Protein backbone atom coordinates (compact mmCIF):
# COMPACT_ATOMS: atom_id res chain seq x y z
CA MET A 1 -87.66 22.10 -16.24
CA GLU A 2 -90.77 24.26 -16.79
CA THR A 3 -94.00 23.72 -14.78
CA VAL A 4 -97.64 23.32 -15.80
CA PHE A 5 -100.81 23.81 -13.72
CA ILE A 6 -104.06 22.10 -14.81
CA ALA A 7 -107.50 23.51 -13.90
CA ASP A 8 -110.84 21.93 -14.82
CA ASP A 9 -113.95 21.23 -12.79
CA GLU A 10 -114.06 17.60 -13.97
CA GLN A 11 -111.57 15.18 -12.39
CA ILE A 12 -111.66 12.83 -15.37
CA ILE A 13 -110.69 15.64 -17.74
CA ARG A 14 -107.80 16.72 -15.47
CA GLU A 15 -106.49 13.15 -15.43
CA GLY A 16 -106.84 12.97 -19.19
CA LEU A 17 -104.88 16.21 -19.67
CA LYS A 18 -102.07 14.82 -17.50
CA HIS A 19 -101.59 11.88 -19.87
CA ILE A 20 -102.74 13.03 -23.30
CA ILE A 21 -99.21 14.18 -24.17
CA ASP A 22 -95.74 13.41 -22.81
CA TRP A 23 -95.20 16.49 -20.65
CA ALA A 24 -91.73 15.45 -19.46
CA ASN A 25 -90.50 14.98 -23.04
CA LEU A 26 -91.66 18.52 -23.79
CA GLY A 27 -89.72 19.87 -20.82
CA PHE A 28 -92.62 20.27 -18.36
CA THR A 29 -93.50 18.85 -14.96
CA ILE A 30 -97.03 19.08 -13.53
CA CYS A 31 -96.87 21.19 -10.36
CA GLY A 32 -100.56 21.32 -9.34
CA GLU A 33 -104.21 21.15 -10.27
CA ALA A 34 -107.56 22.71 -9.28
CA GLY A 35 -111.25 21.92 -9.64
CA SER A 36 -112.69 25.41 -9.06
CA GLY A 37 -111.94 28.98 -10.09
CA GLU A 38 -110.92 30.07 -6.60
CA GLU A 39 -108.61 27.07 -6.15
CA ALA A 40 -107.12 27.74 -9.58
CA LEU A 41 -106.31 31.40 -8.82
CA ASP A 42 -104.87 30.48 -5.41
CA GLY A 43 -102.72 27.71 -6.90
CA ILE A 44 -101.46 29.89 -9.76
CA MET A 45 -100.33 32.66 -7.41
CA LYS A 46 -98.68 30.25 -4.96
CA LEU A 47 -96.93 27.96 -7.45
CA ASN A 48 -96.18 30.51 -10.20
CA PRO A 49 -96.28 27.88 -13.02
CA SER A 50 -94.74 28.48 -16.45
CA LEU A 51 -97.97 27.35 -18.14
CA VAL A 52 -101.63 27.14 -17.05
CA LEU A 53 -103.93 24.75 -18.91
CA MET A 54 -107.47 25.80 -17.91
CA ASP A 55 -111.13 25.38 -18.75
CA ILE A 56 -112.90 28.66 -19.45
CA ARG A 57 -116.01 27.58 -17.47
CA MET A 58 -114.89 27.10 -13.86
CA PRO A 59 -117.17 27.00 -10.79
CA LYS A 60 -117.24 30.20 -8.69
CA LEU A 61 -114.86 32.11 -11.01
CA LEU A 62 -114.70 32.17 -14.80
CA GLY A 63 -111.41 31.42 -16.49
CA THR A 64 -111.26 34.93 -17.95
CA ASP A 65 -111.65 36.40 -14.45
CA ILE A 66 -108.90 34.12 -13.15
CA ILE A 67 -106.59 35.33 -15.91
CA ARG A 68 -107.42 38.99 -15.27
CA ASN A 69 -106.88 38.65 -11.47
CA ALA A 70 -103.64 36.73 -11.93
CA ARG A 71 -102.26 39.35 -14.34
CA GLU A 72 -103.21 42.17 -11.99
CA GLN A 73 -101.28 40.40 -9.21
CA GLY A 74 -98.15 40.15 -11.37
CA PHE A 75 -98.41 36.63 -12.82
CA SER A 76 -96.55 36.50 -16.14
CA GLY A 77 -96.87 32.81 -17.10
CA LYS A 78 -98.51 31.42 -20.25
CA PHE A 79 -102.16 30.32 -20.63
CA ILE A 80 -103.88 27.77 -22.82
CA ILE A 81 -107.66 28.05 -22.52
CA ILE A 82 -109.78 24.96 -23.19
CA SER A 83 -113.52 25.33 -23.64
CA GLY A 84 -116.55 23.57 -24.99
CA TYR A 85 -117.71 26.94 -26.22
CA SER A 86 -116.61 28.60 -29.41
CA ASP A 87 -118.13 31.96 -28.52
CA PHE A 88 -115.86 34.60 -30.04
CA SER A 89 -116.35 36.98 -27.08
CA TYR A 90 -114.57 34.51 -24.76
CA ALA A 91 -111.70 34.28 -27.17
CA GLN A 92 -111.44 38.08 -27.41
CA THR A 93 -111.38 38.46 -23.63
CA ALA A 94 -108.78 35.70 -23.24
CA ILE A 95 -106.52 37.17 -25.94
CA ARG A 96 -106.78 40.62 -24.35
CA HIS A 97 -105.29 39.16 -21.14
CA GLY A 98 -102.39 37.51 -22.94
CA VAL A 99 -103.70 33.99 -23.58
CA GLU A 100 -101.51 32.33 -26.20
CA PHE A 101 -103.91 29.56 -27.35
CA TYR A 102 -107.67 29.01 -27.19
CA LEU A 103 -108.59 25.37 -27.82
CA THR A 104 -112.05 23.83 -27.94
CA LYS A 105 -113.24 20.53 -26.54
CA PRO A 106 -112.87 17.72 -27.29
CA ILE A 107 -109.11 18.29 -27.21
CA ASP A 108 -107.22 17.29 -30.29
CA GLU A 109 -103.93 15.68 -29.22
CA GLU A 110 -101.96 17.10 -32.16
CA GLU A 111 -103.39 20.56 -31.64
CA LEU A 112 -102.48 20.55 -27.93
CA LEU A 113 -99.02 19.16 -28.69
CA GLU A 114 -98.42 21.95 -31.22
CA ALA A 115 -99.59 24.62 -28.73
CA VAL A 116 -97.43 23.33 -25.86
CA THR A 117 -94.39 22.99 -28.16
CA ARG A 118 -94.85 26.57 -29.32
CA ILE A 119 -95.13 27.82 -25.73
CA ARG A 120 -92.00 25.89 -24.75
CA GLU A 121 -90.12 27.69 -27.54
CA LEU A 122 -91.45 31.06 -26.35
CA LEU A 123 -90.37 30.33 -22.78
CA ALA A 124 -86.87 29.36 -23.94
CA LYS A 125 -86.48 32.59 -25.92
CA GLU A 126 -87.73 34.68 -23.00
CA GLN A 127 -85.31 32.92 -20.65
CA GLU A 128 -82.41 33.56 -23.01
CA SER A 129 -83.42 37.18 -23.39
CA SER A 130 -83.79 37.60 -19.62
CA THR A 131 -80.37 36.04 -19.01
CA ASN A 132 -78.77 38.34 -21.57
CA ILE A 133 -80.43 41.39 -20.03
CA ASP A 134 -79.27 40.38 -16.53
CA LEU A 135 -75.75 39.83 -17.84
CA PHE A 136 -75.79 43.20 -19.59
CA ARG A 137 -77.04 44.94 -16.46
CA LYS A 138 -74.34 43.26 -14.35
CA LYS A 139 -71.60 44.26 -16.79
CA ALA A 140 -72.97 47.80 -17.02
CA LYS A 141 -73.10 48.06 -13.23
CA ASN A 142 -69.51 46.85 -12.88
CA VAL A 143 -68.38 49.46 -15.42
CA ILE A 144 -70.24 52.24 -13.62
CA LEU A 145 -68.89 51.13 -10.22
CA HIS A 146 -65.36 51.10 -11.64
CA GLU A 147 -65.87 54.61 -13.01
CA LEU A 148 -67.29 55.93 -9.72
CA VAL A 149 -64.46 54.43 -7.64
CA THR A 150 -61.69 55.62 -9.94
CA GLY A 151 -63.25 59.04 -10.58
CA ILE A 152 -63.64 58.81 -14.39
CA TYR A 153 -67.42 58.56 -14.55
CA SER A 154 -69.77 60.70 -16.60
CA PRO A 155 -72.71 62.53 -14.95
CA GLU A 156 -75.13 60.16 -16.70
CA SER A 157 -73.50 57.15 -15.01
CA LYS A 158 -74.50 58.33 -11.54
CA ASN A 159 -78.19 58.30 -12.46
CA ALA A 160 -78.06 54.87 -14.11
CA LEU A 161 -77.98 52.95 -10.82
CA PRO A 162 -80.56 54.24 -8.31
CA ASP A 163 -79.60 51.48 -5.82
CA LEU A 164 -76.24 53.22 -5.32
CA ILE A 165 -77.86 56.26 -3.72
CA ALA A 166 -76.93 56.56 -0.01
CA ASP A 167 -76.16 59.20 2.62
CA LEU A 168 -72.56 58.01 3.15
CA TYR A 169 -69.92 56.01 1.26
CA GLN A 170 -66.58 54.48 2.20
CA VAL A 171 -64.11 52.43 0.18
CA VAL A 172 -62.38 49.41 1.75
CA ILE A 173 -59.63 47.34 0.11
CA TYR A 174 -59.62 43.74 1.30
CA GLU A 175 -56.53 41.53 0.92
CA GLU A 176 -55.34 38.26 2.42
CA PHE A 177 -52.74 38.49 5.16
CA TYR A 178 -49.30 37.48 3.89
CA GLY A 179 -48.21 33.94 4.60
CA THR A 180 -51.57 32.59 5.82
CA ALA A 181 -53.98 30.01 4.50
CA SER A 182 -56.99 32.29 4.68
CA PRO A 183 -60.42 30.78 5.45
CA ALA A 184 -63.26 31.89 3.23
CA TYR A 185 -64.46 34.90 5.23
CA SER A 186 -66.99 36.87 3.22
CA PHE A 187 -67.13 40.60 3.75
CA ALA A 188 -70.81 40.29 4.72
CA GLU A 189 -69.87 37.80 7.47
CA LEU A 190 -67.25 40.16 8.84
CA LEU A 191 -69.72 43.04 9.06
CA LYS A 192 -72.57 40.80 10.21
CA VAL A 193 -74.90 42.08 7.48
CA ALA A 194 -77.08 40.15 5.03
CA ASN A 195 -76.37 42.53 2.10
CA ARG A 196 -79.43 41.29 0.21
CA GLY A 197 -79.59 43.02 -3.14
CA ASN A 198 -76.25 44.70 -2.39
CA HIS A 199 -78.05 46.92 0.08
CA SER A 200 -75.03 47.45 2.39
CA PHE A 201 -72.08 47.34 -0.01
CA GLU A 202 -70.97 46.80 -3.60
CA HIS A 203 -68.02 44.63 -4.63
CA LEU A 204 -65.63 44.89 -7.56
CA THR A 205 -62.06 43.94 -8.46
CA ILE A 206 -59.46 46.47 -9.63
CA ASP A 207 -55.89 45.36 -10.43
CA SER A 208 -56.41 42.06 -8.57
CA ARG A 209 -57.51 43.92 -5.42
CA GLU A 210 -60.89 43.25 -3.80
CA ILE A 211 -62.70 46.59 -3.48
CA PHE A 212 -65.78 47.10 -1.32
CA LEU A 213 -67.91 50.23 -1.50
CA LEU A 214 -69.84 50.62 1.76
CA LYS A 215 -73.20 52.35 1.29
CA GLY A 216 -75.13 54.15 4.02
CA SER A 217 -74.69 54.95 7.69
CA PHE A 218 -75.70 51.46 8.81
CA ALA A 219 -72.94 49.75 6.79
CA LEU A 220 -70.31 52.27 7.94
CA ARG A 221 -71.31 51.78 11.59
CA LYS A 222 -71.05 48.01 11.16
CA PHE A 223 -67.55 48.37 9.69
CA GLU A 224 -66.45 50.67 12.53
CA ALA A 225 -67.84 48.22 15.09
CA PHE A 226 -65.93 45.38 13.41
CA LEU A 227 -62.64 47.30 13.57
CA THR A 228 -63.19 48.35 17.18
CA HIS A 229 -64.04 44.80 18.25
CA TYR A 230 -60.97 43.18 16.72
CA GLU A 231 -58.34 45.93 16.85
CA LEU A 232 -58.79 46.68 20.56
CA ARG A 233 -58.92 43.07 21.73
CA GLU A 234 -56.19 42.05 24.18
CA TYR A 235 -56.12 38.53 22.83
CA GLN A 236 -58.53 36.52 20.73
CA GLU A 237 -57.91 33.21 19.04
CA LYS A 238 -58.90 32.64 15.41
CA SER A 239 -59.74 36.27 14.82
CA PRO A 240 -60.72 37.09 11.21
CA LEU A 241 -58.07 39.82 11.34
CA ASP A 242 -55.37 37.15 11.62
CA THR A 243 -55.98 36.16 8.00
CA LEU A 244 -56.73 39.43 6.24
CA PHE A 245 -55.59 43.00 5.75
CA LEU A 246 -57.86 46.03 5.31
CA ALA A 247 -57.11 49.53 4.05
CA TYR A 248 -59.94 52.06 4.16
CA GLY A 249 -60.40 55.64 3.03
CA ARG A 250 -62.43 58.41 4.57
CA PRO A 251 -66.27 58.39 4.64
CA VAL A 252 -67.74 60.73 1.98
CA LYS A 253 -71.25 62.08 1.48
CA ASN A 254 -71.47 62.33 -2.32
CA MET A 255 -70.88 59.92 -5.20
CA ASP A 256 -68.56 62.56 -6.68
CA GLN A 257 -66.18 61.98 -3.72
CA ILE A 258 -66.07 58.18 -3.73
CA TYR A 259 -62.82 58.23 -5.71
CA LEU A 260 -61.15 60.23 -2.89
CA SER A 261 -61.92 57.45 -0.42
CA TYR A 262 -60.56 54.90 -2.90
CA GLU A 263 -57.33 56.83 -3.52
CA GLU A 264 -56.71 57.05 0.22
CA ALA A 265 -57.33 53.32 0.69
CA LEU A 266 -54.99 52.56 -2.21
CA LEU A 267 -52.25 54.77 -0.76
CA LEU A 268 -52.58 53.04 2.61
CA CYS A 269 -52.55 49.63 0.95
CA ARG A 270 -49.18 50.46 -0.57
CA ARG A 271 -47.91 51.35 2.94
CA ARG A 272 -48.63 47.83 4.16
CA PHE A 273 -44.90 47.05 4.38
CA PHE A 274 -44.61 49.48 7.32
CA CYS A 275 -47.36 47.92 9.46
CA THR A 276 -46.35 46.89 12.96
CA GLN A 277 -46.50 43.25 14.01
CA GLY A 278 -50.11 42.12 14.34
CA GLN A 279 -51.47 45.21 12.58
CA HIS A 280 -54.12 44.17 10.06
CA ALA A 281 -55.77 47.46 9.17
CA LEU A 282 -54.70 50.89 7.98
CA GLY A 283 -57.22 53.73 7.95
CA TYR A 284 -57.49 57.26 6.65
CA GLU A 285 -56.69 58.49 10.19
CA GLU A 286 -53.04 57.65 9.41
CA LEU A 287 -52.90 59.95 6.38
CA PRO A 288 -51.81 63.17 8.14
CA PHE A 289 -48.73 61.28 9.36
CA LEU A 290 -48.00 59.89 5.90
CA ASN A 291 -48.02 63.38 4.45
CA THR A 292 -45.29 64.49 6.86
CA LYS A 293 -42.67 61.91 5.88
CA VAL A 294 -39.40 63.88 5.84
CA ASN A 295 -36.62 61.35 6.50
CA GLU A 296 -34.29 60.33 3.71
CA ILE A 297 -31.96 57.37 3.36
CA ASP A 298 -28.30 58.30 2.75
CA LYS A 299 -24.76 57.14 3.52
CA ALA A 300 -24.58 59.24 6.69
CA LYS A 301 -27.63 57.47 8.17
CA LEU A 302 -26.20 54.11 7.16
CA LYS A 303 -22.95 54.89 8.99
CA LEU A 304 -24.82 56.22 12.05
CA TYR A 305 -26.90 53.07 12.60
CA GLN A 306 -23.98 50.78 11.79
CA GLU A 307 -21.90 52.47 14.50
CA LEU A 308 -24.76 52.51 17.01
CA LEU A 309 -25.42 48.81 16.63
CA THR A 310 -21.77 47.76 16.40
CA ASP A 311 -20.86 49.72 19.57
CA SER A 312 -23.80 48.14 21.43
CA LEU A 313 -22.72 44.67 20.32
CA LYS A 314 -19.15 45.29 21.42
CA SER A 315 -20.36 46.18 24.92
CA PHE A 316 -22.87 43.27 24.99
CA ASN A 317 -25.58 45.86 25.69
CA ARG A 318 -28.84 44.21 24.65
CA ARG A 319 -30.88 47.15 25.89
CA LYS A 320 -28.93 49.55 23.71
CA VAL A 321 -29.25 47.19 20.73
CA ALA A 322 -33.03 47.07 21.23
CA GLU A 323 -33.26 50.85 21.55
CA SER A 324 -31.14 51.36 18.43
CA LEU A 325 -33.28 48.94 16.41
CA HIS A 326 -36.44 50.64 17.62
CA GLU A 327 -35.01 54.03 16.67
CA LEU A 328 -34.06 52.61 13.25
CA GLU A 329 -37.58 51.25 12.72
CA VAL A 330 -39.15 54.62 13.58
CA PHE A 331 -36.71 56.41 11.27
CA LEU A 332 -37.52 54.09 8.35
CA TYR A 333 -41.26 54.36 8.98
CA ASN A 334 -40.95 58.07 8.28
CA VAL A 335 -38.78 57.95 5.15
CA LYS A 336 -39.92 59.22 1.77
CA ASP A 337 -37.98 56.49 -0.05
CA ASP A 338 -39.69 53.49 -1.65
CA ILE A 339 -39.76 49.99 -0.16
CA LYS A 340 -37.06 48.68 -2.48
CA SER A 341 -34.67 51.40 -1.25
CA VAL A 342 -35.51 50.60 2.38
CA LYS A 343 -34.68 46.93 1.86
CA ARG A 344 -31.42 47.81 0.12
CA PHE A 345 -30.51 50.13 3.04
CA LEU A 346 -31.13 47.37 5.60
CA THR A 347 -29.16 44.84 3.54
CA ASP A 348 -26.18 47.20 3.37
CA LEU A 349 -26.50 47.87 7.10
CA TYR A 350 -26.33 44.18 7.93
CA PHE A 351 -23.36 43.63 5.62
CA GLN A 352 -21.41 46.45 7.29
CA ILE A 353 -22.19 45.17 10.81
CA LYS A 354 -21.16 41.67 9.76
CA GLU A 355 -17.88 42.97 8.31
CA LYS A 356 -17.07 45.04 11.42
CA ILE A 357 -17.83 42.21 13.86
CA ASN A 358 -15.79 39.71 11.84
CA ILE A 359 -12.80 42.06 12.06
CA ILE A 360 -13.21 42.71 15.79
CA TYR A 361 -13.85 39.06 16.70
CA SER A 362 -11.80 37.34 14.04
CA SER A 363 -11.22 34.32 16.27
CA ALA A 364 -14.85 33.83 17.26
CA ALA A 365 -16.91 31.23 15.40
CA ILE A 366 -19.95 33.38 14.64
CA PRO A 367 -22.42 31.42 12.45
CA PHE A 368 -23.35 34.28 10.12
CA PRO A 369 -25.62 33.42 7.17
CA SER A 370 -24.10 33.87 3.72
CA ASN A 371 -24.58 37.17 1.91
CA SER A 372 -26.92 35.53 -0.61
CA GLU A 373 -29.06 34.16 2.26
CA ILE A 374 -29.19 37.63 3.83
CA ILE A 375 -30.26 39.24 0.56
CA GLU A 376 -32.93 36.59 -0.01
CA ARG A 377 -34.26 36.88 3.55
CA ILE A 378 -34.59 40.67 3.40
CA ASP A 379 -35.92 40.81 -0.17
CA ASN A 380 -38.61 38.22 0.60
CA SER A 381 -39.82 39.93 3.78
CA PHE A 382 -43.32 41.32 3.52
CA TYR A 383 -42.96 43.76 6.42
CA LEU A 384 -40.37 46.08 7.89
CA TYR A 385 -40.79 44.57 11.37
CA GLU A 386 -39.84 41.14 9.96
CA ILE A 387 -36.47 42.53 8.83
CA ILE A 388 -35.94 44.28 12.17
CA ILE A 389 -36.66 40.99 13.96
CA PHE A 390 -34.23 39.18 11.67
CA ILE A 391 -31.47 41.70 12.43
CA SER A 392 -32.32 41.45 16.13
CA GLU A 393 -31.96 37.66 16.00
CA GLN A 394 -28.59 38.13 14.35
CA THR A 395 -27.44 40.57 17.05
CA ASP A 396 -28.47 38.02 19.67
CA LEU A 397 -26.46 35.40 17.80
CA ILE A 398 -23.43 37.72 17.83
CA ILE A 399 -23.72 38.47 21.58
CA ASN A 400 -24.12 34.78 22.42
CA ALA A 401 -21.05 33.93 20.33
CA THR A 402 -18.85 36.68 21.77
CA GLY A 403 -20.04 36.94 25.40
CA ALA A 404 -23.50 36.14 26.80
CA PRO A 405 -24.76 38.13 29.83
CA SER A 406 -26.98 36.56 32.51
CA ARG A 407 -30.73 36.25 32.26
CA ASP A 408 -31.21 38.73 35.11
CA SER A 409 -29.27 41.45 33.28
CA VAL A 410 -31.32 40.82 30.15
CA LEU A 411 -34.57 41.14 32.12
CA TYR A 412 -33.29 44.38 33.63
CA ASP A 413 -32.67 45.70 30.12
CA ILE A 414 -36.17 44.66 29.08
CA LEU A 415 -37.79 46.46 32.01
CA TYR A 416 -35.68 49.55 31.32
CA TYR A 417 -36.76 49.44 27.68
CA ILE A 418 -40.45 49.12 28.62
CA ASP A 419 -40.28 51.95 31.17
CA HIS A 420 -38.94 54.28 28.49
CA ASN A 421 -41.11 53.17 25.56
CA TYR A 422 -44.54 52.25 26.99
CA GLN A 423 -46.10 55.30 25.29
CA SER A 424 -45.63 53.60 21.90
CA ASN A 425 -47.53 50.61 20.51
CA ILE A 426 -45.47 48.16 22.57
CA LYS A 427 -46.32 44.44 22.55
CA LEU A 428 -44.76 41.29 23.94
CA GLU A 429 -44.50 39.87 20.40
CA THR A 430 -42.48 42.94 19.37
CA ILE A 431 -40.24 43.13 22.45
CA ALA A 432 -39.30 39.45 22.74
CA PRO A 433 -37.25 39.04 19.54
CA LEU A 434 -35.38 42.30 20.19
CA PHE A 435 -33.86 40.64 23.24
CA GLY A 436 -33.40 37.17 21.81
CA TYR A 437 -36.51 35.45 23.25
CA ASN A 438 -39.69 34.02 21.80
CA SER A 439 -42.80 35.72 23.17
CA ALA A 440 -44.19 32.68 25.04
CA TYR A 441 -40.97 32.09 27.00
CA LEU A 442 -40.43 35.78 27.75
CA GLY A 443 -44.02 36.03 28.99
CA LYS A 444 -43.36 33.25 31.52
CA ILE A 445 -40.11 34.62 32.92
CA PHE A 446 -41.53 38.16 32.94
CA ASN A 447 -44.52 37.04 35.01
CA LYS A 448 -42.27 35.13 37.37
CA ALA A 449 -39.88 38.05 37.85
CA THR A 450 -42.44 40.86 38.20
CA GLY A 451 -45.48 39.01 39.57
CA GLU A 452 -47.76 40.26 36.79
CA SER A 453 -48.33 39.74 33.10
CA PHE A 454 -46.62 41.82 30.44
CA ASN A 455 -49.87 43.57 29.43
CA THR A 456 -50.76 44.35 33.07
CA TYR A 457 -47.30 45.81 33.67
CA ILE A 458 -47.68 48.05 30.59
CA ASP A 459 -51.15 49.15 31.72
CA HIS A 460 -49.87 50.03 35.20
CA ARG A 461 -47.04 52.14 33.78
CA ARG A 462 -49.42 53.95 31.42
CA ILE A 463 -52.07 54.55 34.08
CA GLU A 464 -49.50 55.91 36.56
CA TYR A 465 -48.18 58.35 33.96
CA SER A 466 -51.71 59.37 32.96
CA LYS A 467 -52.50 60.18 36.61
CA GLN A 468 -49.60 62.64 36.65
CA LEU A 469 -50.85 64.28 33.45
CA LEU A 470 -54.41 64.51 34.81
CA ILE A 471 -53.20 66.26 37.95
CA GLU A 472 -51.14 68.71 35.88
CA ASN A 473 -54.43 69.56 34.06
CA LYS A 474 -52.72 70.82 30.89
CA LEU A 475 -54.07 68.27 28.40
CA LYS A 476 -57.53 67.01 27.51
CA VAL A 477 -58.40 63.41 28.37
CA TYR A 478 -58.20 62.18 24.77
CA GLU A 479 -54.77 63.85 24.42
CA ILE A 480 -53.58 62.11 27.56
CA ALA A 481 -54.87 58.78 26.24
CA GLU A 482 -52.80 59.21 23.08
CA GLN A 483 -49.72 60.38 24.99
CA VAL A 484 -49.63 57.34 27.28
CA GLY A 485 -50.12 54.86 24.42
CA TYR A 486 -53.88 54.31 24.04
CA LYS A 487 -55.15 55.10 20.56
CA ASN A 488 -58.80 54.83 21.60
CA VAL A 489 -60.04 57.15 24.36
CA ASP A 490 -62.91 54.80 25.30
CA TYR A 491 -60.41 51.98 25.82
CA PHE A 492 -58.34 54.32 27.99
CA HIS A 493 -61.45 55.11 30.10
CA LYS A 494 -62.10 51.38 30.55
CA LYS A 495 -58.53 50.63 31.64
CA PHE A 496 -58.27 53.66 33.94
CA LYS A 497 -61.48 52.81 35.78
CA LYS A 498 -60.38 49.17 36.09
CA TYR A 499 -57.12 50.06 37.87
CA VAL A 500 -58.05 53.31 39.65
CA GLY A 501 -61.74 52.78 40.41
CA VAL A 502 -62.95 56.06 38.93
CA SER A 503 -63.00 57.63 35.48
CA PRO A 504 -60.17 59.97 34.36
CA ALA A 505 -62.50 62.98 34.62
CA GLU A 506 -63.55 62.01 38.17
CA TYR A 507 -59.92 61.48 39.15
CA ARG A 508 -58.94 64.92 37.86
CA LYS A 509 -61.88 66.59 39.59
CA ALA A 510 -61.32 64.86 42.95
CA ASP A 511 -57.52 65.09 42.77
CA ILE A 512 -57.24 61.53 44.12
CA PRO A 513 -53.66 60.57 45.10
């Protein structure tokens, strides 16, 4: 519905103009009125009506002056001037300021109806044209963004969108986390930015992937703060990271390099299968490691891991089973083969273990799943760690069916495993299934047996080892942080000071025992 504003110094005339024609039937609603020139100008600028119906002779400010002032302030609506004067100079001035119709009093109903109808048609055409232009601009922008991100743009494209100019850029690929009913988190909510007018980032879709182009130092700092807040948390319920996955490329300074950030994010996105449990983001920092993948899957490796796991099962050695599975996971993380080949390798490994155990314990009633169930389970796994957990559960099933050790011996194996692997990204959720427990139950018995939580125990082991390295004085603090299992040096500082009472640098300098 369009709006009309009526201005005349006589109340009776304003009332008459409200009812002389059926405004609603013509697609208009009356939004305001004024009895003086100053009131009229103020009302026009505040209400921004589609049409102004106004007397040329207004107290304090002539109608022509109102029109001129309104135009200078950016008002683009239509005017119909009504006057008791037929002086041609008024008409010339009004037309010069874009007045569509100049009617004389007394108002002829048919003449006014014809003028308003004509203006309604003009407004409709302008609206259609504006909508088409906006649509064209949006489509053109999407095309240019696609070209910039994929690196196939022309030099002219860069200059077509001045709002893309920034000092830094970074590409982020946003996907839902597998197997979750994801709430509607918007990217702006995650970064805690308003993004009005796409000021902080641009969004587009490529091959069904949600792509976000961060623009400017502020947006990149917000993204880094988001990752730091959620990735380094010890525990946080209902975290946004529980329902999404992010892959991000390096920050770049020029539009010409945006495609490099995108290519890195895309490469990392395809490595999602190798994420550890609970890992929801892969960044360009991982790329040097990806470029050094040298392991290859072959029959010799298949035989090696089959023998390692079968021998451990025969001796009921849960610790050795866990170590072998961890070694297998690390090996597969560093293979050059594709995901399909990795899954086939693990399927063959399970089949061989199953065959060997059935021969050795032919009289034992081991409830193995069928081969078709095994294939389906491994093929439908989204992550490598899911398959490792599945195999671990099966090894636990085998040990329980052929000879179950006591809980104390299992806990001893767990502690031994932790003491020799705390430098890696070790978590209760990862350890528990390797030894046949769920994480909640293992956490309880671990706390009862050791007198401290799993995370505290890990921290103590790491801090004790870091103290030795600080005293040796061969490595820098950030290198020590990485070596004892902390990816973030600031987080290491926080933990060290919590347990030791001083910072790592102060400890090294004072040589505190």
